[in-house]
């Protein structure tokens, strides 16, 4: 007899090790709570394409950087597009899901983002700095990121064959992250000590802060998915975008109290029910670039 409850394939890599975070703990917690409402099975990203036919929808969570299993990820995206699989997050993201090109696009469009250049000949468009951050266009979890002095950044970028991005190294007061389920804000966390990125505490977001974060969520255009807007507080007091995580952002649920975790689980359940009920959201839609960067 078919199950009366929706069947979810939950894609994660419980063995993935991330600096300062325990991805497996987060997914163990989330799946324990989602099982109260859904029939759910976990699988590694390498197995997702072969298994998705048996499920009503796929939830992609802490599956590790896509670069570690790119062929399997591309096969999953292709198979999901062919059969119109409902995937959470929706596979049309314009941000980290498709690489770091969005940082260049947002810079060119005048968004409040750390200014970014993708070619040595464009470095003059960036603010002067003593040091620059250089990172791969297709990077994740700070892999390949390095700090380069101003007198060497042109040389380093010139050797990158178009595969690198450069940003001025910004001195900031703190980093802050805003977490959204679909288009609904859930909570914010910040790292009051810049040298301890993942020592997070609750952050009381202002109306202006939320306006900043929503601007990027709206720009990305996802109908359904979890997004994390990472920003830094610049010396002039303004927020600047650092990253827009739109594939499988780590949620730092351990930094919330029990009520906060319960509220997030409730929001995620509602979002999954909504996606399953509408059915058409995300079906037979173009899946965008297949080269994803994250995480």
Protein backbone atom coordinates (compact mmCIF):
# COMPACT_ATOMS: atom_id res chain seq x y z
CA UNK A 1 0.00 0.00 0.00
CA UNK A 2 1.36 3.49 -0.80
CA UNK A 3 2.32 5.60 2.16
CA UNK A 4 -0.18 8.23 3.25
CA UNK A 5 2.68 10.45 4.27
CA UNK A 6 4.96 12.32 1.86
CA UNK A 7 8.29 10.59 1.20
CA UNK A 8 11.41 12.75 1.44
CA UNK A 9 14.91 11.87 0.28
CA UNK A 10 17.25 13.84 2.57
CA UNK A 11 20.66 14.36 0.95
CA UNK A 12 23.54 14.84 3.37
CA UNK A 13 27.10 13.73 4.03
CA UNK A 14 27.19 12.88 7.70
CA UNK A 15 30.95 12.25 7.53
CA UNK A 16 31.83 15.67 6.13
CA UNK A 17 34.08 17.65 8.46
CA UNK A 18 33.84 21.43 8.46
CA UNK A 19 36.03 23.74 10.49
CA UNK A 20 34.16 25.00 13.54
CA UNK A 21 30.91 23.19 12.71
CA UNK A 22 29.40 19.73 13.12
CA UNK A 23 27.19 19.28 10.09
CA UNK A 24 26.15 15.78 11.13
CA UNK A 25 24.65 16.94 14.44
CA UNK A 26 22.45 19.45 12.64
CA UNK A 27 21.14 16.89 10.18
CA UNK A 28 20.55 14.27 12.86
CA UNK A 29 18.43 16.81 14.73
CA UNK A 30 16.51 18.00 11.68
CA UNK A 31 15.73 14.53 10.36
CA UNK A 32 14.55 13.41 13.80
CA UNK A 33 12.01 16.23 13.76
CA UNK A 34 10.97 15.91 10.12
CA UNK A 35 10.27 12.21 10.62
CA UNK A 36 7.36 13.20 12.85
CA UNK A 37 5.51 14.28 9.69
CA UNK A 38 7.28 12.73 6.69
CA UNK A 39 8.58 9.31 5.69
CA UNK A 40 12.25 10.10 5.29
CA UNK A 41 15.46 8.41 4.18
CA UNK A 42 19.00 9.80 4.22
CA UNK A 43 21.50 9.37 1.41
CA UNK A 44 24.92 10.61 0.38
CA UNK A 45 24.96 13.09 -2.55
CA UNK A 46 26.65 10.43 -4.66
CA UNK A 47 23.55 8.24 -4.40
CA UNK A 48 20.83 10.85 -4.89
CA UNK A 49 20.34 10.51 -8.66
CA UNK A 50 19.79 6.76 -8.41
CA UNK A 51 17.31 6.98 -5.54
CA UNK A 52 15.11 9.99 -6.23
CA UNK A 53 12.44 8.09 -8.22
CA UNK A 54 11.15 6.49 -5.01
CA UNK A 55 10.42 9.80 -3.28
CA UNK A 56 7.98 12.68 -3.56
CA UNK A 57 10.65 15.34 -3.01
CA UNK A 58 14.33 15.77 -2.24
CA UNK A 59 15.76 17.91 0.56
CA UNK A 60 19.40 18.92 0.03
CA UNK A 61 21.07 19.83 3.29
CA UNK A 62 24.62 19.53 4.66
CA UNK A 63 25.99 17.56 1.74
CA UNK A 64 29.44 19.17 1.66
CA UNK A 65 30.99 21.28 -1.11
CA UNK A 66 29.69 20.26 -4.52
CA UNK A 67 33.23 20.33 -5.89
CA UNK A 68 33.87 17.17 -3.89
CA UNK A 69 31.25 15.22 -5.87
CA UNK A 70 30.64 17.32 -8.95
CA UNK A 71 29.91 14.48 -11.40
CA UNK A 72 27.33 12.98 -9.04
CA UNK A 73 25.78 16.39 -8.41
CA UNK A 74 25.51 17.13 -12.13
CA UNK A 75 23.87 13.72 -12.65
CA UNK A 76 21.40 14.47 -9.87
CA UNK A 77 20.49 17.86 -11.32
CA UNK A 78 20.00 16.36 -14.78
CA UNK A 79 17.83 13.53 -13.47
CA UNK A 80 15.79 15.85 -11.26
CA UNK A 81 15.15 18.17 -14.21
CA UNK A 82 14.13 15.27 -16.48
CA UNK A 83 11.46 13.98 -14.11
CA UNK A 84 10.38 17.30 -12.64
CA UNK A 85 11.46 16.37 -9.13
CA UNK A 86 10.61 18.78 -6.34
CA UNK A 87 13.91 19.78 -4.75
CA UNK A 88 14.43 21.85 -1.62
CA UNK A 89 16.33 24.08 -2.20
CA UNK A 90 14.96 24.76 -5.65
CA UNK A 91 17.78 24.34 -8.18
CA UNK A 92 17.50 27.73 -9.87
CA UNK A 93 19.60 29.75 -7.40
CA UNK A 94 21.70 32.58 -8.81
CA UNK A 95 24.09 32.84 -5.86
CA UNK A 96 26.52 30.27 -4.39
CA UNK A 97 24.54 27.48 -6.03
CA UNK A 98 25.99 28.66 -9.36
CA UNK A 99 29.44 29.77 -8.19
CA UNK A 100 30.75 33.21 -7.23
CA UNK A 101 29.82 35.08 -10.41
CA UNK A 102 27.00 36.72 -8.50
CA UNK A 103 29.53 38.78 -6.52
CA UNK A 104 30.67 40.36 -9.78
CA UNK A 105 27.09 40.82 -10.97
CA UNK A 106 26.00 42.47 -7.73
CA UNK A 107 29.07 44.71 -7.69
CA UNK A 108 28.30 45.87 -11.24
CA UNK A 109 24.66 46.47 -10.32
CA UNK A 110 25.58 48.69 -7.37
CA UNK A 111 24.35 46.39 -4.58
CA UNK A 112 25.86 46.76 -1.09
CA UNK A 113 28.41 43.98 -1.51
CA UNK A 114 32.15 43.83 -0.87
CA UNK A 115 33.48 45.15 -4.21
CA UNK A 116 34.68 42.28 -6.36
CA UNK A 117 36.80 42.00 -9.53
CA UNK A 118 37.28 38.95 -11.71
CA UNK A 119 40.21 40.06 -13.89
CA UNK A 120 43.60 41.63 -13.25
CA UNK A 121 42.73 44.50 -15.59
CA UNK A 122 39.65 45.33 -13.47
CA UNK A 123 41.52 45.70 -10.18
CA UNK A 124 41.60 49.48 -10.62
CA UNK A 125 37.83 49.47 -10.15
CA UNK A 126 38.22 48.30 -6.56
CA UNK A 127 38.90 50.58 -3.59
CA UNK A 128 42.58 50.85 -2.68
CA UNK A 129 43.64 48.48 0.06
CA UNK A 130 46.88 47.29 1.64
CA UNK A 131 45.77 43.69 1.21
CA UNK A 132 43.28 41.82 -0.96
CA UNK A 133 41.30 38.62 -0.57
CA UNK A 134 41.76 36.32 -3.56
CA UNK A 135 39.55 33.24 -3.86
CA UNK A 136 38.41 30.76 -6.52
CA UNK A 137 35.22 31.47 -8.48
CA UNK A 138 34.19 27.91 -7.64
CA UNK A 139 35.18 27.69 -4.00
CA UNK A 140 33.55 26.78 -0.71
CA UNK A 141 34.37 26.70 3.00
CA UNK A 142 37.30 29.09 2.36
CA UNK A 143 39.09 26.51 0.19
CA UNK A 144 41.78 28.28 -1.81
CA UNK A 145 41.18 31.64 -0.13
CA UNK A 146 44.32 33.69 0.51
CA UNK A 147 45.35 37.18 1.52
CA UNK A 148 47.59 38.90 -1.00
CA UNK A 149 49.45 42.22 -0.50
CA UNK A 150 48.54 45.02 -2.86
CA UNK A 151 51.88 44.89 -4.69
CA UNK A 152 51.29 41.25 -5.69
CA UNK A 153 47.55 41.04 -6.34
CA UNK A 154 47.79 41.87 -10.05
CA UNK A 155 50.39 39.16 -10.56
CA UNK A 156 48.32 36.57 -8.69
CA UNK A 157 45.14 37.45 -10.55
CA UNK A 158 46.98 37.37 -13.87
CA UNK A 159 48.01 33.78 -13.24
CA UNK A 160 44.44 32.78 -12.40
CA UNK A 161 43.24 32.35 -16.01
CA UNK A 162 39.91 33.92 -15.06
CA UNK A 163 39.28 31.42 -12.24
CA UNK A 164 39.89 33.85 -9.37
CA UNK A 165 38.09 36.75 -7.73
CA UNK A 166 39.67 39.61 -5.80
CA UNK A 167 38.21 41.83 -3.09
CA UNK A 168 39.78 44.48 -0.87
CA UNK A 169 40.32 43.11 2.61
CA UNK A 170 37.72 44.95 4.65
CA UNK A 171 38.20 45.69 8.32
CA UNK A 172 34.85 45.06 9.95
CA UNK A 173 33.32 45.09 13.41
CA UNK A 174 31.59 41.70 13.08
CA UNK A 175 29.95 39.28 10.69
CA UNK A 176 26.22 38.63 10.84
CA UNK A 177 24.00 36.07 9.11
CA UNK A 178 20.29 36.29 8.35
CA UNK A 179 18.38 33.05 7.84
CA UNK A 180 15.29 32.73 5.65
CA UNK A 181 12.90 29.86 4.91
CA UNK A 182 11.39 30.57 1.51
CA UNK A 183 10.97 34.36 1.79
CA UNK A 184 10.25 34.41 5.53
CA UNK A 185 12.92 35.68 7.93
CA UNK A 186 13.59 33.25 10.78
CA UNK A 187 16.50 34.49 12.92
CA UNK A 188 19.87 36.22 12.82
CA UNK A 189 23.19 35.27 14.39
CA UNK A 190 26.44 37.17 14.60
CA UNK A 191 30.08 36.59 15.45
CA UNK A 192 31.04 39.44 17.82
CA UNK A 193 34.71 38.43 17.60
CA UNK A 194 35.89 38.53 13.95
CA UNK A 195 38.65 36.00 14.59
CA UNK A 196 36.05 33.42 15.73
CA UNK A 197 33.69 33.18 12.75
CA UNK A 198 31.59 30.31 14.09
CA UNK A 199 31.30 31.41 17.72
CA UNK A 200 27.82 32.75 17.05
CA UNK A 201 25.31 34.52 19.26
CA UNK A 202 21.73 35.68 18.68
CA UNK A 203 21.50 39.03 16.90
CA UNK A 204 18.61 41.47 17.22
CA UNK A 205 18.10 42.52 13.61
CA UNK A 206 16.84 46.04 12.95
CA UNK A 207 14.32 47.00 10.29
CA UNK A 208 17.20 48.36 8.21
CA UNK A 209 19.15 45.11 8.64
CA UNK A 210 16.21 43.05 7.41
CA UNK A 211 15.68 45.38 4.48
CA UNK A 212 19.31 44.79 3.51
CA UNK A 213 18.98 41.01 3.75
CA UNK A 214 15.62 40.79 1.97
CA UNK A 215 17.02 42.68 -0.99
CA UNK A 216 19.31 39.75 -1.77
CA UNK A 217 16.68 37.10 -1.11
CA UNK A 218 14.34 38.86 -3.54
CA UNK A 219 17.13 39.24 -6.11
CA UNK A 220 17.80 35.51 -6.01
CA UNK A 221 14.21 34.68 -6.94
CA UNK A 222 13.85 31.25 -5.31
CA UNK A 223 10.26 30.14 -4.79
CA UNK A 224 11.30 27.69 -2.08
CA UNK A 225 14.46 27.08 -0.14
CA UNK A 226 16.58 28.03 2.86
CA UNK A 227 18.89 30.99 2.29
CA UNK A 228 21.57 32.50 4.51
CA UNK A 229 22.63 36.08 3.87
CA UNK A 230 26.14 36.61 5.27
CA UNK A 231 27.23 40.21 5.79
CA UNK A 232 29.86 42.25 7.59
CA UNK A 233 29.50 45.57 9.41
CA UNK A 234 31.85 47.92 7.56
CA UNK A 235 33.78 50.77 9.22
CA UNK A 236 31.15 53.29 8.14
CA UNK A 237 28.45 51.28 9.92
CA UNK A 238 26.84 49.91 6.75
CA UNK A 239 26.32 46.24 6.02
CA UNK A 240 28.08 44.67 3.03
CA UNK A 241 27.24 41.28 1.59
CA UNK A 242 29.92 38.64 2.05
CA UNK A 243 28.06 35.62 0.62
CA UNK A 244 24.56 34.51 -0.29
CA UNK A 245 24.30 30.81 0.55
CA UNK A 246 21.41 29.31 -1.42
CA UNK A 247 22.15 25.62 -1.87
CA UNK A 248 22.66 24.00 1.54
CA UNK A 249 23.60 26.67 4.08
CA UNK A 250 24.68 25.51 7.51
CA UNK A 251 22.08 26.79 9.97
CA UNK A 252 23.96 26.94 13.31
CA UNK A 253 20.85 25.68 15.07
CA UNK A 254 22.96 24.89 18.12
CA UNK A 255 23.27 28.65 18.70
CA UNK A 256 19.48 28.92 19.19
CA UNK A 257 17.48 28.10 22.27
CA UNK A 258 14.90 25.32 22.21
CA UNK A 259 12.08 27.68 21.27
CA UNK A 260 14.12 29.04 18.38
CA UNK A 261 14.88 25.56 17.06
CA UNK A 262 11.22 24.57 17.37
CA UNK A 263 10.18 27.67 15.44
CA UNK A 264 12.63 26.90 12.65
CA UNK A 265 11.48 23.29 12.39
CA UNK A 266 7.89 24.49 12.20
CA UNK A 267 8.73 26.93 9.42
CA UNK A 268 10.60 24.24 7.45
CA UNK A 269 7.74 21.76 7.79
CA UNK A 270 5.29 24.38 6.57
CA UNK A 271 7.52 25.21 3.61
CA UNK A 272 7.88 21.55 2.63
CA UNK A 273 4.13 20.99 2.89
CA UNK A 274 3.55 24.05 0.72
CA UNK A 275 6.01 22.84 -1.90
CA UNK A 276 4.46 19.38 -1.97
CA UNK A 277 0.92 20.77 -2.11
CA UNK A 278 1.55 23.12 -4.99
CA UNK A 279 3.51 20.45 -6.81
CA UNK A 280 4.18 22.64 -9.81
CA UNK A 281 6.67 24.88 -8.00
CA UNK A 282 10.09 23.91 -9.28
CA UNK A 283 8.81 21.29 -11.77
CA UNK A 284 10.08 21.27 -15.31
CA UNK A 285 11.90 24.52 -14.78
CA UNK A 286 15.37 25.31 -16.13
CA UNK A 287 17.91 24.30 -13.51
CA UNK A 288 20.45 27.01 -14.23
CA UNK A 289 24.22 26.50 -14.29
CA UNK A 290 25.29 22.98 -13.35
CA UNK A 291 28.56 24.11 -11.80
CA UNK A 292 27.68 24.78 -8.18
CA UNK A 293 30.12 26.11 -5.64
CA UNK A 294 28.81 25.21 -2.29
CA UNK A 295 28.32 23.63 0.40
